Amino acid sequence: MKQQKYFITGISTEVGKTVVAAIVTEALQADYWKPVQAGELENCDTQKIKRWVSNNRSTFHPNSYALVTPMSPHAAAEIDGVTISVNEIVEPSTKNHLVIEGAGGLLVPLNNTATILDIIKPEYKVIVVSRHYLGSINHTLLTIKLLQEKGFDVAVIFSGDAHPTTETIIQKMTGVPVIGRIDEEPYFDKNVIREYADLFREKL
């Protein structure tokens, strides 16, 4: 099977990127990498993914930058006294599939000139995580349109309670494939992640 690389981005913060990253990692028994972590270092996204993934094949690669403050990476880096360099964000070497999780949305600044978009390589498939809230249609369409203009292979996963009018218009206006939707679950653990992995695997 050809090596696949997926970049997980969101339309905003707290929309379910890490849950989606865990599901895709589990579905493909892929490696996982979060290039830039800002805040929650004692319970970071990599540690959450480790807890949720149950296969024995996945390797969890270290962050290129692990910043203390839960803020936009450029601001967290300034507080930590470092400057994020895109050249220092080097994709880990692996023969396995790779799942890469971004920070916030596409245009989250890394420094004075670069954003998350600048670390997404042309060969990555990009999964946009969209969660319904007032304004989420606009945020989703803007995100997908920018990725399409840059030539990326884009798909979407919806998270949270079903909102048919929102989901339908996004599909109609973008034409991107929908991998599925993650319900408003009371909790996530290895079993729940595995169930979604089984559900989504064929569409990845």
N, C-alpha and C. Protein backbone atom coordinates (compact mmCIF):
# COMPACT_ATOMS: atom_id res chain seq x y z
N MET A 1 0.84 -1.21 0.00
CA MET A 1 0.00 0.00 0.00
C MET A 1 0.87 1.25 0.00
N LYS A 2 0.58 2.16 -0.90
CA LYS A 2 1.36 3.40 -1.01
C LYS A 2 1.27 4.21 0.28
N GLN A 3 2.40 4.76 0.66
CA GLN A 3 2.43 5.58 1.87
C GLN A 3 1.52 6.80 1.70
N GLN A 4 0.68 7.04 2.69
CA GLN A 4 -0.21 8.20 2.65
C GLN A 4 0.17 9.16 3.78
N LYS A 5 0.04 10.45 3.48
CA LYS A 5 0.31 11.48 4.49
C LYS A 5 -0.90 12.40 4.57
N TYR A 6 -1.46 12.49 5.76
CA TYR A 6 -2.66 13.31 5.98
C TYR A 6 -2.33 14.47 6.91
N PHE A 7 -2.74 15.65 6.52
CA PHE A 7 -2.61 16.82 7.39
C PHE A 7 -4.00 17.16 7.91
N ILE A 8 -4.15 17.22 9.23
CA ILE A 8 -5.44 17.50 9.86
C ILE A 8 -5.48 18.97 10.27
N THR A 9 -6.40 19.72 9.70
CA THR A 9 -6.55 21.13 10.08
C THR A 9 -7.99 21.38 10.48
N GLY A 10 -8.23 22.49 11.16
CA GLY A 10 -9.59 22.82 11.60
C GLY A 10 -10.02 24.17 11.05
N ILE A 11 -11.32 24.45 11.19
CA ILE A 11 -11.82 25.75 10.74
C ILE A 11 -11.65 26.79 11.85
N SER A 12 -11.32 26.31 13.05
CA SER A 12 -11.11 27.17 14.21
C SER A 12 -10.41 26.31 15.26
N THR A 13 -10.33 26.80 16.47
CA THR A 13 -9.77 26.00 17.55
C THR A 13 -10.91 25.22 18.22
N GLU A 14 -10.55 24.14 18.90
CA GLU A 14 -11.53 23.32 19.65
C GLU A 14 -12.67 22.77 18.78
N VAL A 15 -12.33 22.34 17.57
CA VAL A 15 -13.37 21.77 16.70
C VAL A 15 -13.28 20.25 16.59
N GLY A 16 -12.22 19.67 17.17
CA GLY A 16 -12.12 18.21 17.16
C GLY A 16 -10.96 17.65 16.35
N LYS A 17 -9.92 18.47 16.09
CA LYS A 17 -8.79 18.01 15.28
C LYS A 17 -8.09 16.80 15.89
N THR A 18 -7.87 16.85 17.21
CA THR A 18 -7.10 15.78 17.85
C THR A 18 -7.86 14.47 17.82
N VAL A 19 -9.16 14.52 18.02
CA VAL A 19 -9.98 13.32 17.92
C VAL A 19 -9.90 12.75 16.50
N VAL A 20 -10.04 13.61 15.50
CA VAL A 20 -9.93 13.16 14.10
C VAL A 20 -8.55 12.57 13.84
N ALA A 21 -7.50 13.22 14.34
CA ALA A 21 -6.14 12.72 14.15
C ALA A 21 -6.00 11.32 14.76
N ALA A 22 -6.59 11.11 15.92
CA ALA A 22 -6.54 9.79 16.57
C ALA A 22 -7.26 8.74 15.72
N ILE A 23 -8.42 9.11 15.20
CA ILE A 23 -9.21 8.17 14.39
C ILE A 23 -8.47 7.78 13.11
N VAL A 24 -7.90 8.77 12.43
CA VAL A 24 -7.17 8.49 11.18
C VAL A 24 -5.90 7.69 11.48
N THR A 25 -5.21 8.04 12.57
CA THR A 25 -4.02 7.29 12.98
C THR A 25 -4.37 5.83 13.25
N GLU A 26 -5.45 5.62 13.96
CA GLU A 26 -5.88 4.25 14.27
C GLU A 26 -6.35 3.51 13.02
N ALA A 27 -7.10 4.19 12.16
CA ALA A 27 -7.65 3.55 10.96
C ALA A 27 -6.54 3.05 10.03
N LEU A 28 -5.46 3.83 9.91
CA LEU A 28 -4.37 3.49 9.00
C LEU A 28 -3.18 2.85 9.72
N GLN A 29 -3.30 2.71 11.05
CA GLN A 29 -2.15 2.29 11.88
C GLN A 29 -0.94 3.14 11.52
N ALA A 30 -1.20 4.44 11.37
CA ALA A 30 -0.19 5.39 10.90
C ALA A 30 0.67 5.90 12.05
N ASP A 31 1.77 6.57 11.68
CA ASP A 31 2.54 7.35 12.65
C ASP A 31 1.82 8.68 12.86
N TYR A 32 2.13 9.33 13.98
CA TYR A 32 1.49 10.62 14.30
C TYR A 32 2.58 11.64 14.62
N TRP A 33 2.32 12.88 14.15
CA TRP A 33 3.27 13.98 14.41
C TRP A 33 2.51 15.28 14.54
N LYS A 34 2.76 15.97 15.65
CA LYS A 34 2.23 17.33 15.86
C LYS A 34 3.43 18.27 15.82
N PRO A 35 3.64 18.99 14.71
CA PRO A 35 4.85 19.82 14.58
C PRO A 35 4.97 20.88 15.66
N VAL A 36 3.86 21.57 15.96
CA VAL A 36 3.92 22.68 16.92
C VAL A 36 2.84 22.48 17.98
N GLN A 37 3.27 22.32 19.23
CA GLN A 37 2.36 22.21 20.36
C GLN A 37 2.50 23.47 21.20
N ALA A 38 1.38 24.13 21.47
CA ALA A 38 1.41 25.33 22.30
C ALA A 38 0.51 25.13 23.51
N GLY A 39 1.11 25.00 24.69
CA GLY A 39 0.35 24.81 25.93
C GLY A 39 0.03 23.35 26.21
N GLU A 40 -0.45 23.10 27.42
CA GLU A 40 -0.84 21.75 27.87
C GLU A 40 0.27 20.72 27.67
N LEU A 41 1.49 21.10 27.95
CA LEU A 41 2.59 20.18 27.68
C LEU A 41 2.52 18.92 28.54
N GLU A 42 1.89 19.02 29.72
CA GLU A 42 1.77 17.84 30.59
C GLU A 42 0.67 16.89 30.11
N ASN A 43 -0.22 17.41 29.26
CA ASN A 43 -1.27 16.55 28.66
C ASN A 43 -1.46 16.98 27.21
N CYS A 44 -0.37 16.89 26.45
CA CYS A 44 -0.36 17.43 25.09
C CYS A 44 -1.12 16.51 24.14
N ASP A 45 -1.32 16.99 22.92
CA ASP A 45 -2.10 16.22 21.94
C ASP A 45 -1.45 14.87 21.64
N THR A 46 -0.13 14.83 21.60
CA THR A 46 0.56 13.56 21.33
C THR A 46 0.24 12.54 22.42
N GLN A 47 0.20 12.98 23.68
CA GLN A 47 -0.12 12.07 24.79
C GLN A 47 -1.58 11.61 24.71
N LYS A 48 -2.47 12.51 24.32
CA LYS A 48 -3.87 12.13 24.15
C LYS A 48 -4.01 11.06 23.07
N ILE A 49 -3.33 11.27 21.94
CA ILE A 49 -3.39 10.31 20.83
C ILE A 49 -2.87 8.95 21.29
N LYS A 50 -1.76 8.95 22.04
CA LYS A 50 -1.19 7.70 22.55
C LYS A 50 -2.21 6.94 23.38
N ARG A 51 -2.97 7.68 24.19
CA ARG A 51 -3.98 7.03 25.05
C ARG A 51 -5.14 6.46 24.24
N TRP A 52 -5.45 7.10 23.12
CA TRP A 52 -6.64 6.72 22.34
C TRP A 52 -6.36 5.66 21.28
N VAL A 53 -5.12 5.55 20.86
CA VAL A 53 -4.78 4.62 19.77
C VAL A 53 -4.43 3.26 20.36
N SER A 54 -4.99 2.19 19.79
CA SER A 54 -4.76 0.87 20.37
C SER A 54 -3.90 -0.06 19.53
N ASN A 55 -3.59 0.32 18.27
CA ASN A 55 -2.74 -0.56 17.47
C ASN A 55 -1.28 -0.47 17.95
N ASN A 56 -0.48 -1.47 17.58
CA ASN A 56 0.91 -1.53 18.03
C ASN A 56 1.91 -1.00 17.00
N ARG A 57 1.40 -0.55 15.87
CA ARG A 57 2.29 -0.15 14.78
C ARG A 57 2.64 1.34 14.82
N SER A 58 1.72 2.16 15.31
CA SER A 58 1.91 3.62 15.28
C SER A 58 3.12 4.05 16.11
N THR A 59 3.89 4.97 15.53
CA THR A 59 4.98 5.63 16.25
C THR A 59 4.58 7.08 16.44
N PHE A 60 4.92 7.64 17.60
CA PHE A 60 4.53 9.01 17.93
C PHE A 60 5.79 9.88 17.95
N HIS A 61 5.88 10.75 16.96
CA HIS A 61 7.10 11.52 16.77
C HIS A 61 7.08 12.80 17.61
N PRO A 62 8.24 13.25 18.09
CA PRO A 62 8.29 14.44 18.94
C PRO A 62 7.94 15.72 18.18
N ASN A 63 7.39 16.69 18.92
CA ASN A 63 7.11 18.01 18.34
C ASN A 63 8.40 18.66 17.87
N SER A 64 8.30 19.45 16.80
CA SER A 64 9.43 20.31 16.42
C SER A 64 9.55 21.46 17.41
N TYR A 65 8.39 21.96 17.85
CA TYR A 65 8.35 23.02 18.87
C TYR A 65 7.31 22.65 19.91
N ALA A 66 7.72 22.65 21.18
CA ALA A 66 6.80 22.43 22.30
C ALA A 66 6.83 23.69 23.16
N LEU A 67 5.78 24.49 23.05
CA LEU A 67 5.73 25.81 23.68
C LEU A 67 4.85 25.76 24.93
N VAL A 68 5.21 26.53 25.92
CA VAL A 68 4.55 26.43 27.23
C VAL A 68 3.16 27.07 27.24
N THR A 69 3.01 28.21 26.60
CA THR A 69 1.78 29.01 26.74
C THR A 69 0.72 28.60 25.72
N PRO A 70 -0.54 28.39 26.18
CA PRO A 70 -1.62 28.04 25.24
C PRO A 70 -2.13 29.27 24.48
N MET A 71 -1.34 29.68 23.49
CA MET A 71 -1.68 30.83 22.66
C MET A 71 -1.33 30.50 21.22
N SER A 72 -1.60 31.42 20.31
CA SER A 72 -1.14 31.27 18.94
C SER A 72 0.37 31.00 18.97
N PRO A 73 0.87 30.07 18.14
CA PRO A 73 2.29 29.69 18.22
C PRO A 73 3.27 30.86 18.18
N HIS A 74 3.00 31.88 17.36
CA HIS A 74 3.94 33.00 17.27
C HIS A 74 4.05 33.74 18.60
N ALA A 75 2.89 33.88 19.29
CA ALA A 75 2.87 34.58 20.57
C ALA A 75 3.45 33.71 21.68
N ALA A 76 3.12 32.41 21.67
CA ALA A 76 3.67 31.48 22.66
C ALA A 76 5.19 31.40 22.53
N ALA A 77 5.67 31.40 21.29
CA ALA A 77 7.12 31.33 21.05
C ALA A 77 7.82 32.58 21.60
N GLU A 78 7.18 33.73 21.40
CA GLU A 78 7.77 34.99 21.90
C GLU A 78 7.91 34.96 23.42
N ILE A 79 6.88 34.45 24.09
CA ILE A 79 6.92 34.35 25.56
C ILE A 79 8.04 33.39 25.99
N ASP A 80 8.22 32.31 25.22
CA ASP A 80 9.26 31.32 25.53
C ASP A 80 10.66 31.78 25.12
N GLY A 81 10.71 32.92 24.42
CA GLY A 81 12.01 33.44 23.99
C GLY A 81 12.60 32.70 22.80
N VAL A 82 11.72 32.13 21.98
CA VAL A 82 12.21 31.45 20.77
C VAL A 82 11.49 32.02 19.54
N THR A 83 12.08 31.81 18.39
CA THR A 83 11.44 32.17 17.12
C THR A 83 11.23 30.90 16.33
N ILE A 84 10.01 30.67 15.90
CA ILE A 84 9.73 29.47 15.12
C ILE A 84 10.27 29.66 13.70
N SER A 85 11.05 28.71 13.26
CA SER A 85 11.57 28.71 11.89
C SER A 85 10.93 27.54 11.13
N VAL A 86 10.32 27.84 10.00
CA VAL A 86 9.71 26.78 9.19
C VAL A 86 10.75 25.74 8.78
N ASN A 87 11.99 26.18 8.59
CA ASN A 87 13.07 25.26 8.20
C ASN A 87 13.39 24.24 9.29
N GLU A 88 13.03 24.56 10.53
CA GLU A 88 13.28 23.64 11.65
C GLU A 88 12.13 22.64 11.83
N ILE A 89 11.05 22.85 11.09
CA ILE A 89 9.91 21.93 11.18
C ILE A 89 10.11 20.87 10.09
N VAL A 90 10.80 19.81 10.48
CA VAL A 90 11.21 18.78 9.52
C VAL A 90 10.37 17.53 9.73
N GLU A 91 9.72 17.12 8.67
CA GLU A 91 8.87 15.93 8.74
C GLU A 91 9.69 14.71 9.17
N PRO A 92 9.19 13.94 10.15
CA PRO A 92 9.93 12.76 10.58
C PRO A 92 10.03 11.71 9.48
N SER A 93 11.13 11.01 9.47
CA SER A 93 11.34 9.97 8.47
C SER A 93 10.63 8.68 8.90
N THR A 94 9.77 8.17 8.04
CA THR A 94 9.07 6.92 8.34
C THR A 94 8.63 6.27 7.03
N LYS A 95 8.57 4.95 7.05
CA LYS A 95 8.05 4.23 5.89
C LYS A 95 6.55 3.97 6.06
N ASN A 96 6.04 4.30 7.23
CA ASN A 96 4.62 4.10 7.54
C ASN A 96 3.80 5.29 7.03
N HIS A 97 2.47 5.14 7.03
CA HIS A 97 1.60 6.30 6.80
C HIS A 97 1.87 7.33 7.90
N LEU A 98 1.58 8.58 7.61
CA LEU A 98 1.85 9.64 8.60
C LEU A 98 0.65 10.57 8.71
N VAL A 99 0.23 10.81 9.95
CA VAL A 99 -0.83 11.77 10.25
C VAL A 99 -0.19 12.96 10.94
N ILE A 100 -0.43 14.15 10.39
CA ILE A 100 0.17 15.39 10.91
C ILE A 100 -0.96 16.28 11.39
N GLU A 101 -0.87 16.75 12.61
CA GLU A 101 -1.93 17.61 13.16
C GLU A 101 -1.44 19.05 13.25
N GLY A 102 -2.21 19.95 12.67
CA GLY A 102 -1.87 21.37 12.73
C GLY A 102 -2.23 21.98 14.08
N ALA A 103 -2.12 23.30 14.17
CA ALA A 103 -2.50 24.05 15.37
C ALA A 103 -3.53 25.08 14.94
N GLY A 104 -4.75 24.98 15.48
CA GLY A 104 -5.80 25.92 15.08
C GLY A 104 -6.11 25.77 13.59
N GLY A 105 -6.30 26.90 12.91
CA GLY A 105 -6.66 26.90 11.49
C GLY A 105 -5.46 27.15 10.60
N LEU A 106 -5.72 27.28 9.30
CA LEU A 106 -4.67 27.39 8.30
C LEU A 106 -3.79 28.63 8.46
N LEU A 107 -4.41 29.76 8.82
CA LEU A 107 -3.65 31.02 8.84
C LEU A 107 -3.21 31.42 10.24
N VAL A 108 -3.10 30.44 11.13
CA VAL A 108 -2.52 30.69 12.45
C VAL A 108 -1.03 31.01 12.25
N PRO A 109 -0.58 32.17 12.76
CA PRO A 109 0.82 32.56 12.51
C PRO A 109 1.82 31.71 13.30
N LEU A 110 2.94 31.37 12.63
CA LEU A 110 4.06 30.71 13.29
C LEU A 110 5.13 31.72 13.68
N ASN A 111 5.24 32.74 12.84
CA ASN A 111 6.17 33.86 13.10
C ASN A 111 5.62 35.07 12.36
N ASN A 112 6.44 36.06 12.07
CA ASN A 112 5.93 37.29 11.44
C ASN A 112 5.55 37.13 9.97
N THR A 113 5.95 36.02 9.37
CA THR A 113 5.68 35.86 7.93
C THR A 113 5.00 34.54 7.57
N ALA A 114 5.21 33.49 8.36
CA ALA A 114 4.71 32.16 7.99
C ALA A 114 3.50 31.75 8.84
N THR A 115 2.65 30.93 8.23
CA THR A 115 1.48 30.39 8.93
C THR A 115 1.49 28.87 8.83
N ILE A 116 0.53 28.24 9.47
CA ILE A 116 0.39 26.78 9.40
C ILE A 116 0.34 26.30 7.94
N LEU A 117 -0.30 27.08 7.08
CA LEU A 117 -0.41 26.71 5.67
C LEU A 117 0.97 26.46 5.04
N ASP A 118 1.98 27.17 5.54
CA ASP A 118 3.32 27.07 4.95
C ASP A 118 4.03 25.76 5.29
N ILE A 119 3.49 24.98 6.22
CA ILE A 119 4.14 23.70 6.53
C ILE A 119 3.36 22.52 5.93
N ILE A 120 2.30 22.82 5.16
CA ILE A 120 1.54 21.75 4.49
C ILE A 120 2.17 21.51 3.12
N LYS A 121 2.69 20.31 2.91
CA LYS A 121 3.39 20.00 1.65
C LYS A 121 2.39 19.59 0.56
N PRO A 122 2.76 19.82 -0.70
CA PRO A 122 1.84 19.53 -1.81
C PRO A 122 1.33 18.09 -1.84
N GLU A 123 2.15 17.14 -1.35
CA GLU A 123 1.73 15.73 -1.42
C GLU A 123 0.79 15.31 -0.29
N TYR A 124 0.61 16.20 0.71
CA TYR A 124 -0.29 15.85 1.81
C TYR A 124 -1.75 15.89 1.35
N LYS A 125 -2.53 14.92 1.82
CA LYS A 125 -3.98 15.02 1.72
C LYS A 125 -4.43 15.80 2.95
N VAL A 126 -5.32 16.77 2.75
CA VAL A 126 -5.72 17.62 3.87
C VAL A 126 -7.16 17.29 4.28
N ILE A 127 -7.32 16.99 5.57
CA ILE A 127 -8.66 16.77 6.12
C ILE A 127 -9.03 17.99 6.95
N VAL A 128 -10.14 18.63 6.56
CA VAL A 128 -10.64 19.80 7.27
C VAL A 128 -11.70 19.34 8.27
N VAL A 129 -11.50 19.70 9.53
CA VAL A 129 -12.48 19.35 10.56
C VAL A 129 -13.41 20.55 10.76
N SER A 130 -14.70 20.31 10.52
CA SER A 130 -15.70 21.39 10.60
C SER A 130 -16.72 21.05 11.68
N ARG A 131 -16.94 22.00 12.56
CA ARG A 131 -17.93 21.82 13.63
C ARG A 131 -18.93 22.96 13.54
N HIS A 132 -20.22 22.67 13.65
CA HIS A 132 -21.24 23.71 13.47
C HIS A 132 -21.26 24.71 14.63
N TYR A 133 -21.22 25.99 14.27
CA TYR A 133 -21.49 27.11 15.19
C TYR A 133 -21.85 28.29 14.29
N LEU A 134 -22.36 29.35 14.86
CA LEU A 134 -22.72 30.51 14.05
C LEU A 134 -21.46 31.08 13.42
N GLY A 135 -21.39 31.04 12.11
CA GLY A 135 -20.18 31.49 11.40
C GLY A 135 -19.35 30.36 10.86
N SER A 136 -19.70 29.11 11.22
CA SER A 136 -18.85 27.98 10.81
C SER A 136 -18.92 27.70 9.31
N ILE A 137 -20.04 28.02 8.67
CA ILE A 137 -20.12 27.80 7.21
C ILE A 137 -19.08 28.69 6.52
N ASN A 138 -19.06 29.95 6.88
CA ASN A 138 -18.08 30.89 6.32
C ASN A 138 -16.65 30.41 6.57
N HIS A 139 -16.36 30.00 7.80
CA HIS A 139 -15.01 29.55 8.14
C HIS A 139 -14.63 28.29 7.36
N THR A 140 -15.60 27.39 7.19
CA THR A 140 -15.33 26.15 6.45
C THR A 140 -15.09 26.43 4.98
N LEU A 141 -15.95 27.26 4.38
CA LEU A 141 -15.81 27.58 2.96
C LEU A 141 -14.50 28.31 2.68
N LEU A 142 -14.14 29.24 3.55
CA LEU A 142 -12.88 29.97 3.38
C LEU A 142 -11.69 29.01 3.45
N THR A 143 -11.71 28.11 4.41
CA THR A 143 -10.63 27.15 4.60
C THR A 143 -10.49 26.24 3.39
N ILE A 144 -11.61 25.66 2.95
CA ILE A 144 -11.57 24.73 1.82
C ILE A 144 -11.19 25.45 0.53
N LYS A 145 -11.74 26.65 0.33
CA LYS A 145 -11.44 27.42 -0.90
C LYS A 145 -9.95 27.73 -0.99
N LEU A 146 -9.34 28.13 0.11
CA LEU A 146 -7.92 28.44 0.11
C LEU A 146 -7.10 27.18 -0.22
N LEU A 147 -7.45 26.05 0.37
CA LEU A 147 -6.74 24.81 0.10
C LEU A 147 -6.89 24.39 -1.36
N GLN A 148 -8.12 24.53 -1.87
CA GLN A 148 -8.35 24.17 -3.27
C GLN A 148 -7.56 25.07 -4.22
N GLU A 149 -7.52 26.36 -3.90
CA GLU A 149 -6.75 27.30 -4.74
C GLU A 149 -5.25 26.95 -4.76
N LYS A 150 -4.78 26.36 -3.66
CA LYS A 150 -3.37 25.96 -3.56
C LYS A 150 -3.13 24.58 -4.18
N GLY A 151 -4.21 23.93 -4.62
CA GLY A 151 -4.07 22.66 -5.32
C GLY A 151 -4.06 21.42 -4.45
N PHE A 152 -4.47 21.55 -3.19
CA PHE A 152 -4.46 20.39 -2.29
C PHE A 152 -5.64 19.45 -2.53
N ASP A 153 -5.41 18.19 -2.22
CA ASP A 153 -6.45 17.16 -2.20
C ASP A 153 -7.15 17.29 -0.85
N VAL A 154 -8.42 17.70 -0.85
CA VAL A 154 -9.13 18.07 0.38
C VAL A 154 -10.34 17.17 0.63
N ALA A 155 -10.54 16.80 1.88
CA ALA A 155 -11.76 16.12 2.32
C ALA A 155 -12.19 16.77 3.62
N VAL A 156 -13.41 16.48 4.06
CA VAL A 156 -13.91 17.10 5.28
C VAL A 156 -14.48 16.03 6.22
N ILE A 157 -14.32 16.26 7.50
CA ILE A 157 -15.00 15.48 8.54
C ILE A 157 -15.77 16.47 9.40
N PHE A 158 -17.05 16.19 9.60
CA PHE A 158 -17.86 17.02 10.49
C PHE A 158 -17.79 16.45 11.90
N SER A 159 -17.81 17.33 12.89
CA SER A 159 -17.83 16.85 14.28
C SER A 159 -18.94 17.54 15.05
N GLY A 160 -19.49 16.84 16.03
CA GLY A 160 -20.57 17.39 16.85
C GLY A 160 -21.94 16.98 16.34
N ASP A 161 -22.96 17.54 16.94
CA ASP A 161 -24.33 17.20 16.56
C ASP A 161 -24.58 17.48 15.09
N ALA A 162 -25.39 16.63 14.46
CA ALA A 162 -25.71 16.80 13.04
C ALA A 162 -26.41 18.13 12.80
N HIS A 163 -26.03 18.79 11.74
CA HIS A 163 -26.69 20.03 11.34
C HIS A 163 -26.83 19.98 9.82
N PRO A 164 -27.88 19.28 9.32
CA PRO A 164 -27.98 18.96 7.88
C PRO A 164 -27.88 20.17 6.95
N THR A 165 -28.51 21.30 7.31
CA THR A 165 -28.46 22.44 6.39
C THR A 165 -27.03 22.97 6.24
N THR A 166 -26.28 22.96 7.34
CA THR A 166 -24.88 23.39 7.29
C THR A 166 -24.05 22.41 6.47
N GLU A 167 -24.18 21.14 6.78
CA GLU A 167 -23.34 20.12 6.12
C GLU A 167 -23.65 20.04 4.62
N THR A 168 -24.93 20.15 4.27
CA THR A 168 -25.34 20.04 2.87
C THR A 168 -24.82 21.19 2.03
N ILE A 169 -24.91 22.42 2.55
CA ILE A 169 -24.47 23.57 1.76
C ILE A 169 -22.95 23.56 1.58
N ILE A 170 -22.24 23.10 2.60
CA ILE A 170 -20.78 22.99 2.49
C ILE A 170 -20.42 21.99 1.40
N GLN A 171 -21.11 20.84 1.38
CA GLN A 171 -20.86 19.84 0.35
C GLN A 171 -21.16 20.38 -1.05
N LYS A 172 -22.32 21.05 -1.17
CA LYS A 172 -22.74 21.57 -2.48
C LYS A 172 -21.80 22.64 -3.00
N MET A 173 -21.34 23.52 -2.11
CA MET A 173 -20.55 24.67 -2.55
C MET A 173 -19.07 24.35 -2.76
N THR A 174 -18.60 23.24 -2.18
CA THR A 174 -17.17 22.92 -2.31
C THR A 174 -16.94 21.67 -3.18
N GLY A 175 -17.88 20.75 -3.16
CA GLY A 175 -17.71 19.51 -3.90
C GLY A 175 -16.70 18.56 -3.30
N VAL A 176 -16.24 18.84 -2.07
CA VAL A 176 -15.23 17.96 -1.48
C VAL A 176 -15.89 16.71 -0.88
N PRO A 177 -15.17 15.58 -0.90
CA PRO A 177 -15.72 14.37 -0.28
C PRO A 177 -15.83 14.50 1.22
N VAL A 178 -16.88 13.92 1.77
CA VAL A 178 -17.08 13.90 3.22
C VAL A 178 -16.74 12.50 3.73
N ILE A 179 -15.74 12.43 4.58
CA ILE A 179 -15.32 11.14 5.13
C ILE A 179 -16.35 10.63 6.13
N GLY A 180 -16.96 11.54 6.88
CA GLY A 180 -17.96 11.13 7.86
C GLY A 180 -18.19 12.22 8.89
N ARG A 181 -18.93 11.86 9.94
CA ARG A 181 -19.18 12.82 11.02
C ARG A 181 -19.00 12.12 12.36
N ILE A 182 -18.37 12.81 13.27
CA ILE A 182 -18.16 12.31 14.63
C ILE A 182 -19.23 12.92 15.51
N ASP A 183 -20.05 12.09 16.10
CA ASP A 183 -21.15 12.57 16.93
C ASP A 183 -20.64 13.24 18.21
N GLU A 184 -21.55 13.90 18.89
CA GLU A 184 -21.24 14.55 20.18
C GLU A 184 -21.16 13.44 21.24
N GLU A 185 -20.03 12.77 21.30
CA GLU A 185 -19.87 11.64 22.21
C GLU A 185 -19.67 12.12 23.65
N PRO A 186 -20.18 11.34 24.63
CA PRO A 186 -19.97 11.72 26.03
C PRO A 186 -18.49 11.66 26.44
N TYR A 187 -17.73 10.82 25.77
CA TYR A 187 -16.29 10.72 26.05
C TYR A 187 -15.63 10.01 24.87
N PHE A 188 -14.30 10.11 24.83
CA PHE A 188 -13.53 9.36 23.83
C PHE A 188 -12.53 8.48 24.55
N ASP A 189 -12.47 7.22 24.15
CA ASP A 189 -11.46 6.30 24.65
C ASP A 189 -11.05 5.39 23.49
N LYS A 190 -10.22 4.39 23.77
CA LYS A 190 -9.71 3.52 22.70
C LYS A 190 -10.85 2.85 21.93
N ASN A 191 -11.90 2.43 22.65
CA ASN A 191 -13.00 1.73 21.99
C ASN A 191 -13.77 2.64 21.03
N VAL A 192 -14.06 3.85 21.48
CA VAL A 192 -14.81 4.80 20.64
C VAL A 192 -13.98 5.18 19.41
N ILE A 193 -12.69 5.45 19.64
CA ILE A 193 -11.80 5.79 18.52
C ILE A 193 -11.73 4.63 17.52
N ARG A 194 -11.65 3.41 18.03
CA ARG A 194 -11.56 2.24 17.15
C ARG A 194 -12.83 2.08 16.33
N GLU A 195 -13.99 2.34 16.94
CA GLU A 195 -15.28 2.24 16.21
C GLU A 195 -15.31 3.22 15.03
N TYR A 196 -14.89 4.45 15.28
CA TYR A 196 -14.87 5.44 14.19
C TYR A 196 -13.81 5.09 13.15
N ALA A 197 -12.68 4.56 13.59
CA ALA A 197 -11.63 4.15 12.66
C ALA A 197 -12.17 3.09 11.69
N ASP A 198 -12.91 2.13 12.22
CA ASP A 198 -13.51 1.08 11.38
C ASP A 198 -14.52 1.67 10.40
N LEU A 199 -15.23 2.70 10.87
CA LEU A 199 -16.28 3.35 10.07
C LEU A 199 -15.67 4.18 8.93
N PHE A 200 -14.56 4.85 9.19
CA PHE A 200 -13.98 5.81 8.24
C PHE A 200 -12.93 5.19 7.32
N ARG A 201 -12.40 4.02 7.68
CA ARG A 201 -11.20 3.48 7.00
C ARG A 201 -11.34 3.44 5.47
N GLU A 202 -12.47 2.95 4.98
CA GLU A 202 -12.63 2.79 3.52
C GLU A 202 -12.63 4.13 2.77
N LYS A 203 -12.99 5.21 3.46
CA LYS A 203 -13.08 6.51 2.78
C LYS A 203 -11.78 7.32 2.87
N LEU A 204 -10.81 6.79 3.58
CA LEU A 204 -9.53 7.52 3.70
C LEU A 204 -8.64 7.26 2.48
